[in-house]
C-alpha cells in the first residue's frame, strides 16, 4: 500500500470518526430513529475502513445507557439495537461480496 492510499484512508476514517461523535451528541440531545440509523451506518463504514471502528459499538452502549436519564430507557435500548443491527447488517453484506 502506498503512502497516498494510507493518507486517503486515514482522512476518510477521521471524517467518519467525527461524524460518529457528532451523531452521538445529537442522539443524546434529541433521539430520532434516523440519527440512530445514520450512526449505525457511520460505525459500519468506519469499521470497514479500519477495524478499530468496531470500538464505537461498545461506546454506543456505554454512552447511551450512561446518558439514559435524558432519554427514556425504552428509547435508549431501541436506539442501541438499531445502531448494532445497522452496522452489523452492513458488515455482513460487504463481507459476503465475491472477491
Protein backbone atom coordinates (compact mmCIF):
# COMPACT_ATOMS: atom_id res chain seq x y z
CA UNK A 1 0.00 0.00 0.00
CA UNK A 2 1.39 3.35 -0.97
CA UNK A 3 1.59 6.36 1.30
CA UNK A 4 -1.08 8.20 -0.68
CA UNK A 5 -3.53 5.31 -0.19
CA UNK A 6 -2.80 5.30 3.54
CA UNK A 7 -3.34 9.04 3.85
CA UNK A 8 -6.60 8.83 1.88
CA UNK A 9 -7.96 6.08 4.14
CA UNK A 10 -6.86 7.98 7.26
CA UNK A 11 -8.67 11.13 6.23
CA UNK A 12 -11.81 9.17 5.36
CA UNK A 13 -11.64 7.32 8.69
CA UNK A 14 -11.19 10.61 10.54
CA UNK A 15 -14.25 12.02 8.76
CA UNK A 16 -16.38 9.10 9.95
CA UNK A 17 -15.00 9.31 13.49
CA UNK A 18 -16.02 12.96 13.66
CA UNK A 19 -19.41 12.12 12.16
CA UNK A 20 -19.90 9.38 14.78
CA UNK A 21 -19.08 11.78 17.61
CA UNK A 22 -21.44 14.39 16.17
CA UNK A 23 -24.28 11.87 15.82
CA UNK A 24 -23.73 10.57 19.38
CA UNK A 25 -24.12 14.07 20.74
CA UNK A 26 -27.21 14.73 18.61
CA UNK A 27 -28.85 11.46 19.74
CA UNK A 28 -28.28 12.31 23.38
CA UNK A 29 -29.76 15.77 22.86
CA UNK A 30 -32.79 14.59 20.87
CA UNK A 31 -33.37 10.96 19.95
CA UNK A 32 -34.59 10.18 16.44
CA UNK A 33 -34.55 6.82 14.69
CA UNK A 34 -32.96 8.33 11.57
CA UNK A 35 -30.00 9.52 13.63
CA UNK A 36 -29.59 6.05 15.14
CA UNK A 37 -29.58 4.51 11.65
CA UNK A 38 -27.06 7.08 10.41
CA UNK A 39 -24.90 6.40 13.44
CA UNK A 40 -25.01 2.66 12.74
CA UNK A 41 -24.07 3.24 9.09
CA UNK A 42 -21.22 5.52 10.10
CA UNK A 43 -19.88 2.95 12.57
CA UNK A 44 -20.09 0.22 9.92
CA UNK A 45 -18.23 2.29 7.35
CA UNK A 46 -15.59 3.30 9.90
CA UNK A 47 -15.16 -0.38 10.76
CA UNK A 48 -14.80 -1.30 7.10
CA UNK A 49 -12.10 1.35 6.67
CA UNK A 50 -10.20 0.36 9.83
CA UNK A 51 -11.02 -2.44 12.30
CA UNK A 52 -10.65 -0.04 15.23
CA UNK A 53 -14.01 1.39 14.20
CA UNK A 54 -15.70 -1.55 15.96
CA UNK A 55 -14.86 0.08 19.30
CA UNK A 56 -17.56 2.64 18.63
CA UNK A 57 -20.19 -0.08 19.05
CA UNK A 58 -19.08 -0.58 22.64
CA UNK A 59 -19.04 3.16 23.17
CA UNK A 60 -22.56 3.38 21.77
CA UNK A 61 -23.88 1.10 24.50
CA UNK A 62 -21.94 2.80 27.28
CA UNK A 63 -22.74 6.31 26.15
CA UNK A 64 -26.44 5.74 25.51
CA UNK A 65 -27.07 3.94 28.78
CA UNK A 66 -24.99 6.37 30.80
CA UNK A 67 -26.98 9.31 29.44
CA UNK A 68 -30.32 7.49 29.54
CA UNK A 69 -31.73 9.98 32.06
CA UNK A 70 -32.17 12.33 29.08
CA UNK A 71 -33.78 9.52 27.12
CA UNK A 72 -36.46 7.13 28.12
CA UNK A 73 -34.96 3.71 28.84
CA UNK A 74 -37.07 2.17 26.08
CA UNK A 75 -35.67 4.63 23.54
CA UNK A 76 -32.10 4.01 24.71
CA UNK A 77 -32.50 0.26 24.27
CA UNK A 78 -34.22 0.67 20.92
CA UNK A 79 -31.54 3.10 19.73
CA UNK A 80 -28.73 0.78 20.77
CA UNK A 81 -30.26 -2.15 18.92
CA UNK A 82 -30.83 -0.06 15.80
CA UNK A 83 -27.19 1.05 15.86
CA UNK A 84 -25.92 -2.52 16.35
CA UNK A 85 -28.28 -4.04 13.76
CA UNK A 86 -27.50 -1.42 11.12
CA UNK A 87 -23.74 -1.66 11.49
CA UNK A 88 -23.79 -5.48 11.66
CA UNK A 89 -26.00 -5.73 8.58
CA UNK A 90 -23.67 -3.54 6.54
CA UNK A 91 -20.62 -5.50 7.69
CA UNK A 92 -22.26 -8.84 6.81
CA UNK A 93 -23.42 -7.62 3.42
CA UNK A 94 -19.98 -6.33 2.46
CA UNK A 95 -18.21 -9.41 3.80
CA UNK A 96 -20.28 -11.70 1.57
CA UNK A 97 -19.32 -9.97 -1.67
CA UNK A 98 -17.39 -12.27 -4.01
CA UNK A 99 -13.77 -11.31 -4.50
